[in-house]
Amino acid sequence: MAYTPKEWKDGDVITKEALNNIEQGIVNVPAGPKGDKGDTGAAGAKGAAGAAGLGIKGLTLTKDGDGKITGGTLTFSDDTTAAVPVTEA
């Protein structure tokens, strides 16, 4: 149903029906075309440096006789190592 605007006059009483008519008119308005992309905002302040961490130098995997991966060893940038457990899902 097409929207019919009400021509309001001084002294008119605002009724539920009149407000619902306005609401329905708003709902029926199709969305307009998408606008142009806005300008890029200013760059934010530089964040604090994070704690120095370790990198990974290598990963050695261990296979069983059938070629199935059973574990491994990670070697970190400070040459420490950590075992890598392997589980089956």
C-alpha atoms as a PDB file:
ATOM      1  CA  MET A   1       0.000   0.000   0.000  1.00  0.00           C
ATOM      2  CA  ALA A   2       1.332   3.427  -0.921  1.00  0.00           C
ATOM      3  CA  TYR A   3       2.210   5.840   1.832  1.00  0.00           C
ATOM      4  CA  THR A   4      -0.095   8.826   2.191  1.00  0.00           C
ATOM      5  CA  PRO A   5       1.456  11.646   4.199  1.00  0.00           C
ATOM      6  CA  LYS A   6      -0.706  13.515   6.682  1.00  0.00           C
ATOM      7  CA  GLU A   7      -0.720  17.269   6.479  1.00  0.00           C
ATOM      8  CA  TRP A   8      -0.413  18.241  10.125  1.00  0.00           C
ATOM      9  CA  LYS A   9      -2.104  21.388  11.415  1.00  0.00           C
ATOM     10  CA  ASP A  10      -1.869  23.221  14.729  1.00  0.00           C
ATOM     11  CA  GLY A  11      -4.087  21.512  17.275  1.00  0.00           C
ATOM     12  CA  ASP A  12      -4.075  18.085  15.558  1.00  0.00           C
ATOM     13  CA  VAL A  13      -4.049  15.199  18.004  1.00  0.00           C
ATOM     14  CA  ILE A  14      -1.246  12.677  17.575  1.00  0.00           C
ATOM     15  CA  THR A  15      -2.920   9.291  17.439  1.00  0.00           C
ATOM     16  CA  LYS A  16      -1.678   5.718  17.347  1.00  0.00           C
ATOM     17  CA  GLU A  17      -2.974   5.407  13.776  1.00  0.00           C
ATOM     18  CA  ALA A  18      -1.136   8.537  12.629  1.00  0.00           C
ATOM     19  CA  LEU A  19       2.130   7.401  14.201  1.00  0.00           C
ATOM     20  CA  ASN A  20       1.755   3.921  12.691  1.00  0.00           C
ATOM     21  CA  ASN A  21       1.180   5.551   9.294  1.00  0.00           C
ATOM     22  CA  ILE A  22       4.484   7.434   9.687  1.00  0.00           C
ATOM     23  CA  GLU A  23       6.267   4.232  10.763  1.00  0.00           C
ATOM     24  CA  GLN A  24       4.935   2.316   7.761  1.00  0.00           C
ATOM     25  CA  GLY A  25       6.044   5.119   5.451  1.00  0.00           C
ATOM     26  CA  ILE A  26       9.576   4.884   6.872  1.00  0.00           C
ATOM     27  CA  VAL A  27       9.656   1.083   6.488  1.00  0.00           C
ATOM     28  CA  ASN A  28       8.612   1.336   2.844  1.00  0.00           C
ATOM     29  CA  VAL A  29      11.378   3.762   1.863  1.00  0.00           C
ATOM     30  CA  PRO A  30      13.902   1.852  -0.245  1.00  0.00           C
ATOM     31  CA  ALA A  31      17.566   2.131   0.698  1.00  0.00           C
ATOM     32  CA  GLY A  32      19.444   4.655  -1.384  1.00  0.00           C
ATOM     33  CA  PRO A  33      22.613   3.973  -3.339  1.00  0.00           C
ATOM     34  CA  LYS A  34      25.817   3.294  -1.438  1.00  0.00           C
ATOM     35  CA  GLY A  35      27.846   6.450  -0.924  1.00  0.00           C
ATOM     36  CA  ASP A  36      31.460   7.053  -1.835  1.00  0.00           C
ATOM     37  CA  LYS A  37      34.199   5.713   0.428  1.00  0.00           C
ATOM     38  CA  GLY A  38      35.267   8.278   3.000  1.00  0.00           C
ATOM     39  CA  ASP A  39      38.741   9.676   3.497  1.00  0.00           C
ATOM     40  CA  THR A  40      41.273   7.653   5.452  1.00  0.00           C
ATOM     41  CA  GLY A  41      41.486   8.748   9.063  1.00  0.00           C
ATOM     42  CA  ALA A  42      44.617   9.924  10.823  1.00  0.00           C
ATOM     43  CA  ALA A  43      47.108   7.282  11.923  1.00  0.00           C
ATOM     44  CA  GLY A  44      46.916   6.247  15.539  1.00  0.00           C
ATOM     45  CA  ALA A  45      49.760   6.556  18.019  1.00  0.00           C
ATOM     46  CA  LYS A  46      52.498   3.938  17.862  1.00  0.00           C
ATOM     47  CA  GLY A  47      51.986   1.152  20.355  1.00  0.00           C
ATOM     48  CA  ALA A  48      54.514   0.101  22.962  1.00  0.00           C
ATOM     49  CA  ALA A  49      57.111  -2.459  21.980  1.00  0.00           C
ATOM     50  CA  GLY A  50      56.275  -6.014  22.951  1.00  0.00           C
ATOM     51  CA  ALA A  51      58.508  -8.223  25.047  1.00  0.00           C
ATOM     52  CA  ALA A  52      61.379  -9.824  23.192  1.00  0.00           C
ATOM     53  CA  GLY A  53      60.459 -13.421  22.542  1.00  0.00           C
ATOM     54  CA  LEU A  54      62.015 -16.450  20.966  1.00  0.00           C
ATOM     55  CA  GLY A  55      61.728 -17.406  17.347  1.00  0.00           C
ATOM     56  CA  ILE A  56      61.682 -20.913  15.958  1.00  0.00           C
ATOM     57  CA  LYS A  57      64.789 -22.026  14.084  1.00  0.00           C
ATOM     58  CA  GLY A  58      63.594 -25.468  13.171  1.00  0.00           C
ATOM     59  CA  LEU A  59      61.235 -28.383  13.626  1.00  0.00           C
ATOM     60  CA  THR A  60      62.455 -31.953  13.399  1.00  0.00           C
ATOM     61  CA  LEU A  61      59.799 -34.622  13.084  1.00  0.00           C
ATOM     62  CA  THR A  62      60.243 -38.238  14.248  1.00  0.00           C
ATOM     63  CA  LYS A  63      58.747 -41.110  12.204  1.00  0.00           C
ATOM     64  CA  ASP A  64      58.195 -44.717  13.100  1.00  0.00           C
ATOM     65  CA  GLY A  65      59.055 -47.646  10.808  1.00  0.00           C
ATOM     66  CA  ASP A  66      55.843 -47.183   8.812  1.00  0.00           C
ATOM     67  CA  GLY A  67      56.561 -43.503   8.161  1.00  0.00           C
ATOM     68  CA  LYS A  68      53.958 -42.334  10.670  1.00  0.00           C
ATOM     69  CA  ILE A  69      54.874 -39.104  12.522  1.00  0.00           C
ATOM     70  CA  THR A  70      55.192 -39.917  16.207  1.00  0.00           C
ATOM     71  CA  GLY A  71      56.662 -36.714  17.633  1.00  0.00           C
ATOM     72  CA  GLY A  72      59.149 -33.954  17.045  1.00  0.00           C
ATOM     73  CA  THR A  73      61.535 -31.396  18.461  1.00  0.00           C
ATOM     74  CA  LEU A  74      61.357 -27.608  18.133  1.00  0.00           C
ATOM     75  CA  THR A  75      64.625 -25.674  18.161  1.00  0.00           C
ATOM     76  CA  PHE A  76      64.291 -22.053  19.260  1.00  0.00           C
ATOM     77  CA  SER A  77      66.424 -19.042  18.318  1.00  0.00           C
ATOM     78  CA  ASP A  78      68.405 -19.380  21.559  1.00  0.00           C
ATOM     79  CA  ASP A  79      69.140 -23.057  20.690  1.00  0.00           C
ATOM     80  CA  THR A  80      66.874 -24.411  23.424  1.00  0.00           C
ATOM     81  CA  THR A  81      64.529 -27.209  22.397  1.00  0.00           C
ATOM     82  CA  ALA A  82      61.072 -28.446  23.250  1.00  0.00           C
ATOM     83  CA  ALA A  83      59.406 -31.767  22.571  1.00  0.00           C
ATOM     84  CA  VAL A  84      56.442 -31.791  20.215  1.00  0.00           C
ATOM     85  CA  PRO A  85      53.897 -34.460  21.170  1.00  0.00           C
ATOM     86  CA  VAL A  86      51.750 -35.998  18.458  1.00  0.00           C
ATOM     87  CA  THR A  87      48.256 -37.265  19.148  1.00  0.00           C
ATOM     88  CA  GLU A  88      45.759 -38.889  16.852  1.00  0.00           C
ATOM     89  CA  ALA A  89      42.284 -37.466  16.491  1.00  0.00           C
END
